[in-house]
Amino acid sequence: IMKEYSRFAEGDDEPYYPINTPDDRDMLAKYRERAAAEARDNKVLFGGRLGTYQYLDMHMAIASALTMVDNKLVPYFTEGAALEQERGH
């Protein structure tokens, strides 16, 4: 059993969650454009905390992954539906 403690990223740390600043919002807009292009051009979908660029508790991350399978991957493999990255994900 372990315990996790929240703290701000310092020095050479890589921040794990976005902070709502103008720079982060600009980066998020560029990221979403790139994610949509990757889905369209290379059949790549992004999920989880980093893929959706938002904080998710673990149960939310798992639910998001299962929803992506049901809504994106099953139709892609069974019906030939297009893979598209949803806005905000």
N, C-alpha and C. Protein backbone atom coordinates (compact mmCIF):
# COMPACT_ATOMS: atom_id res chain seq x y z
N ILE A 1 0.85 -1.17 0.00
CA ILE A 1 0.00 0.00 0.00
C ILE A 1 0.90 1.22 0.00
N MET A 2 0.55 2.20 -0.83
CA MET A 2 1.29 3.46 -0.82
C MET A 2 0.34 4.62 -0.69
N LYS A 3 0.89 5.74 -0.37
CA LYS A 3 0.12 6.97 -0.26
C LYS A 3 0.77 8.00 -1.16
N GLU A 4 -0.05 8.75 -1.89
CA GLU A 4 0.44 9.76 -2.81
C GLU A 4 0.14 11.14 -2.24
N TYR A 5 1.10 12.04 -2.36
CA TYR A 5 0.92 13.39 -1.86
C TYR A 5 0.99 14.37 -3.02
N SER A 6 0.08 15.31 -3.07
CA SER A 6 0.08 16.33 -4.11
C SER A 6 1.12 17.40 -3.79
N ARG A 7 1.72 17.93 -4.86
CA ARG A 7 2.63 19.06 -4.71
C ARG A 7 2.82 19.69 -6.07
N PHE A 8 3.28 20.93 -6.10
CA PHE A 8 3.59 21.59 -7.36
C PHE A 8 4.89 21.05 -7.92
N ALA A 9 4.98 20.97 -9.23
CA ALA A 9 6.22 20.55 -9.88
C ALA A 9 7.29 21.61 -9.63
N GLU A 10 8.51 21.16 -9.39
CA GLU A 10 9.61 22.07 -9.13
C GLU A 10 10.81 21.70 -9.99
N GLY A 11 11.68 22.65 -10.24
CA GLY A 11 12.95 22.39 -10.93
C GLY A 11 12.80 21.59 -12.20
N ASP A 12 13.38 20.39 -12.21
CA ASP A 12 13.35 19.52 -13.39
C ASP A 12 12.15 18.58 -13.41
N ASP A 13 11.22 18.73 -12.46
CA ASP A 13 10.03 17.88 -12.44
C ASP A 13 9.20 18.13 -13.69
N GLU A 14 8.50 17.11 -14.12
CA GLU A 14 7.54 17.27 -15.21
C GLU A 14 6.15 17.34 -14.59
N PRO A 15 5.41 18.43 -14.84
CA PRO A 15 4.08 18.53 -14.24
C PRO A 15 3.15 17.48 -14.84
N TYR A 16 2.36 16.84 -14.00
CA TYR A 16 1.47 15.77 -14.45
C TYR A 16 0.08 16.26 -14.81
N TYR A 17 -0.30 17.43 -14.35
CA TYR A 17 -1.63 17.94 -14.61
C TYR A 17 -1.53 19.37 -15.12
N PRO A 18 -2.46 19.78 -15.96
CA PRO A 18 -2.43 21.15 -16.46
C PRO A 18 -2.79 22.14 -15.35
N ILE A 19 -2.25 23.32 -15.47
CA ILE A 19 -2.62 24.43 -14.61
C ILE A 19 -3.26 25.46 -15.53
N ASN A 20 -4.41 25.97 -15.15
CA ASN A 20 -5.21 26.82 -16.04
C ASN A 20 -4.60 28.22 -16.16
N THR A 21 -3.58 28.33 -17.00
CA THR A 21 -2.94 29.62 -17.28
C THR A 21 -3.10 29.91 -18.77
N PRO A 22 -2.90 31.15 -19.20
CA PRO A 22 -2.98 31.44 -20.64
C PRO A 22 -2.03 30.59 -21.47
N ASP A 23 -0.80 30.38 -20.98
CA ASP A 23 0.15 29.54 -21.73
C ASP A 23 -0.34 28.10 -21.84
N ASP A 24 -0.88 27.56 -20.75
CA ASP A 24 -1.40 26.20 -20.80
C ASP A 24 -2.61 26.09 -21.73
N ARG A 25 -3.47 27.10 -21.73
CA ARG A 25 -4.64 27.07 -22.63
C ARG A 25 -4.20 27.11 -24.09
N ASP A 26 -3.18 27.90 -24.40
CA ASP A 26 -2.64 27.93 -25.77
C ASP A 26 -2.05 26.57 -26.14
N MET A 27 -1.30 25.98 -25.21
CA MET A 27 -0.71 24.67 -25.46
C MET A 27 -1.82 23.62 -25.66
N LEU A 28 -2.88 23.71 -24.87
CA LEU A 28 -3.99 22.77 -24.99
C LEU A 28 -4.66 22.88 -26.36
N ALA A 29 -4.87 24.08 -26.86
CA ALA A 29 -5.48 24.25 -28.18
C ALA A 29 -4.62 23.59 -29.26
N LYS A 30 -3.31 23.79 -29.19
CA LYS A 30 -2.40 23.16 -30.16
C LYS A 30 -2.41 21.64 -30.01
N TYR A 31 -2.43 21.18 -28.78
CA TYR A 31 -2.45 19.74 -28.51
C TYR A 31 -3.71 19.11 -29.10
N ARG A 32 -4.86 19.74 -28.90
CA ARG A 32 -6.12 19.19 -29.41
C ARG A 32 -6.13 19.14 -30.94
N GLU A 33 -5.56 20.15 -31.58
CA GLU A 33 -5.45 20.12 -33.04
C GLU A 33 -4.58 18.95 -33.48
N ARG A 34 -3.47 18.76 -32.81
CA ARG A 34 -2.56 17.66 -33.16
C ARG A 34 -3.20 16.31 -32.89
N ALA A 35 -3.91 16.18 -31.78
CA ALA A 35 -4.58 14.92 -31.45
C ALA A 35 -5.64 14.58 -32.50
N ALA A 36 -6.39 15.57 -32.95
CA ALA A 36 -7.40 15.34 -33.99
C ALA A 36 -6.74 14.89 -35.28
N ALA A 37 -5.62 15.51 -35.64
CA ALA A 37 -4.90 15.13 -36.86
C ALA A 37 -4.34 13.71 -36.74
N GLU A 38 -3.83 13.34 -35.58
CA GLU A 38 -3.31 11.99 -35.38
C GLU A 38 -4.42 10.95 -35.51
N ALA A 39 -5.58 11.26 -34.96
CA ALA A 39 -6.72 10.33 -35.08
C ALA A 39 -7.12 10.17 -36.54
N ARG A 40 -7.22 11.28 -37.22
CA ARG A 40 -7.64 11.27 -38.63
C ARG A 40 -6.60 10.61 -39.53
N ASP A 41 -5.35 11.00 -39.39
CA ASP A 41 -4.31 10.58 -40.33
C ASP A 41 -3.64 9.26 -39.97
N ASN A 42 -3.53 8.95 -38.69
CA ASN A 42 -2.75 7.79 -38.26
C ASN A 42 -3.52 6.80 -37.40
N LYS A 43 -4.83 7.05 -37.24
CA LYS A 43 -5.67 6.15 -36.43
C LYS A 43 -5.16 6.00 -35.00
N VAL A 44 -4.79 7.12 -34.40
CA VAL A 44 -4.31 7.14 -33.02
C VAL A 44 -5.30 7.94 -32.18
N LEU A 45 -5.74 7.35 -31.07
CA LEU A 45 -6.61 8.05 -30.13
C LEU A 45 -5.86 8.24 -28.82
N PHE A 46 -6.15 9.32 -28.13
CA PHE A 46 -5.48 9.64 -26.87
C PHE A 46 -6.49 9.61 -25.74
N GLY A 47 -6.10 9.03 -24.61
CA GLY A 47 -6.99 8.97 -23.47
C GLY A 47 -6.21 9.05 -22.18
N GLY A 48 -6.91 8.92 -21.08
CA GLY A 48 -6.27 8.99 -19.78
C GLY A 48 -5.99 10.42 -19.35
N ARG A 49 -5.23 10.55 -18.28
CA ARG A 49 -4.94 11.88 -17.73
C ARG A 49 -4.18 12.75 -18.72
N LEU A 50 -3.12 12.20 -19.29
CA LEU A 50 -2.32 13.00 -20.21
C LEU A 50 -3.03 13.17 -21.55
N GLY A 51 -3.70 12.12 -21.99
CA GLY A 51 -4.37 12.17 -23.28
C GLY A 51 -5.54 13.13 -23.34
N THR A 52 -6.22 13.31 -22.21
CA THR A 52 -7.34 14.25 -22.17
C THR A 52 -6.93 15.60 -21.60
N TYR A 53 -5.70 15.69 -21.11
CA TYR A 53 -5.14 16.92 -20.54
C TYR A 53 -6.03 17.45 -19.42
N GLN A 54 -6.41 16.53 -18.53
CA GLN A 54 -7.21 16.93 -17.38
C GLN A 54 -6.97 15.98 -16.22
N TYR A 55 -7.29 16.45 -15.02
CA TYR A 55 -7.16 15.57 -13.87
C TYR A 55 -8.29 14.56 -13.91
N LEU A 56 -7.96 13.30 -13.70
CA LEU A 56 -8.96 12.24 -13.60
C LEU A 56 -8.61 11.35 -12.42
N ASP A 57 -9.57 11.09 -11.56
CA ASP A 57 -9.37 10.04 -10.57
C ASP A 57 -9.30 8.73 -11.33
N MET A 58 -8.71 7.71 -10.72
CA MET A 58 -8.48 6.45 -11.42
C MET A 58 -9.78 5.83 -11.93
N HIS A 59 -10.85 5.89 -11.14
CA HIS A 59 -12.11 5.30 -11.61
C HIS A 59 -12.63 6.05 -12.83
N MET A 60 -12.36 7.36 -12.91
CA MET A 60 -12.78 8.14 -14.07
C MET A 60 -11.92 7.79 -15.29
N ALA A 61 -10.63 7.56 -15.09
CA ALA A 61 -9.74 7.19 -16.19
C ALA A 61 -10.15 5.83 -16.77
N ILE A 62 -10.49 4.89 -15.90
CA ILE A 62 -10.92 3.57 -16.36
C ILE A 62 -12.24 3.68 -17.11
N ALA A 63 -13.19 4.43 -16.57
CA ALA A 63 -14.48 4.61 -17.24
C ALA A 63 -14.30 5.28 -18.59
N SER A 64 -13.40 6.25 -18.68
CA SER A 64 -13.13 6.93 -19.95
C SER A 64 -12.57 5.96 -20.98
N ALA A 65 -11.66 5.08 -20.55
CA ALA A 65 -11.07 4.09 -21.46
C ALA A 65 -12.13 3.12 -21.96
N LEU A 66 -12.98 2.65 -21.07
CA LEU A 66 -14.03 1.71 -21.47
C LEU A 66 -15.04 2.37 -22.41
N THR A 67 -15.34 3.64 -22.16
CA THR A 67 -16.24 4.38 -23.04
C THR A 67 -15.63 4.55 -24.41
N MET A 68 -14.32 4.83 -24.47
CA MET A 68 -13.66 4.97 -25.76
C MET A 68 -13.71 3.66 -26.55
N VAL A 69 -13.52 2.56 -25.86
CA VAL A 69 -13.61 1.26 -26.53
C VAL A 69 -15.01 1.07 -27.11
N ASP A 70 -16.04 1.31 -26.30
CA ASP A 70 -17.42 1.12 -26.75
C ASP A 70 -17.80 2.07 -27.88
N ASN A 71 -17.42 3.35 -27.75
CA ASN A 71 -17.89 4.37 -28.68
C ASN A 71 -17.00 4.57 -29.91
N LYS A 72 -15.74 4.20 -29.82
CA LYS A 72 -14.80 4.44 -30.93
C LYS A 72 -14.26 3.16 -31.55
N LEU A 73 -13.70 2.29 -30.72
CA LEU A 73 -13.01 1.12 -31.26
C LEU A 73 -13.96 0.03 -31.75
N VAL A 74 -15.01 -0.26 -31.00
CA VAL A 74 -15.95 -1.28 -31.46
C VAL A 74 -16.58 -0.87 -32.79
N PRO A 75 -17.10 0.37 -32.94
CA PRO A 75 -17.65 0.75 -34.25
C PRO A 75 -16.59 0.75 -35.37
N TYR A 76 -15.36 1.11 -35.04
CA TYR A 76 -14.29 1.10 -36.04
C TYR A 76 -14.06 -0.32 -36.56
N PHE A 77 -13.95 -1.28 -35.65
CA PHE A 77 -13.64 -2.65 -36.05
C PHE A 77 -14.85 -3.42 -36.58
N THR A 78 -16.05 -3.07 -36.13
CA THR A 78 -17.22 -3.83 -36.58
C THR A 78 -17.96 -3.21 -37.75
N GLU A 79 -17.90 -1.87 -37.86
CA GLU A 79 -18.67 -1.17 -38.89
C GLU A 79 -17.81 -0.36 -39.84
N GLY A 80 -16.52 -0.28 -39.56
CA GLY A 80 -15.64 0.54 -40.39
C GLY A 80 -15.81 2.03 -40.15
N ALA A 81 -16.34 2.42 -38.98
CA ALA A 81 -16.54 3.83 -38.65
C ALA A 81 -15.20 4.55 -38.58
N ALA A 82 -15.22 5.85 -38.88
CA ALA A 82 -14.00 6.66 -38.81
C ALA A 82 -13.57 6.83 -37.35
N LEU A 83 -12.26 6.90 -37.14
CA LEU A 83 -11.73 7.21 -35.81
C LEU A 83 -11.55 8.72 -35.73
N GLU A 84 -12.18 9.32 -34.74
CA GLU A 84 -12.06 10.77 -34.54
C GLU A 84 -11.82 11.02 -33.07
N GLN A 85 -10.90 11.93 -32.79
CA GLN A 85 -10.66 12.34 -31.41
C GLN A 85 -11.76 13.33 -31.04
N GLU A 86 -12.47 13.07 -29.95
CA GLU A 86 -13.54 13.97 -29.54
C GLU A 86 -12.97 15.28 -29.03
N ARG A 87 -13.70 16.34 -29.22
CA ARG A 87 -13.31 17.65 -28.71
C ARG A 87 -13.19 17.56 -27.20
N GLY A 88 -12.08 18.05 -26.68
CA GLY A 88 -11.88 18.03 -25.24
C GLY A 88 -11.27 16.74 -24.74
N HIS A 89 -10.94 15.82 -25.66
CA HIS A 89 -10.33 14.55 -25.27
C HIS A 89 -9.13 14.27 -26.13
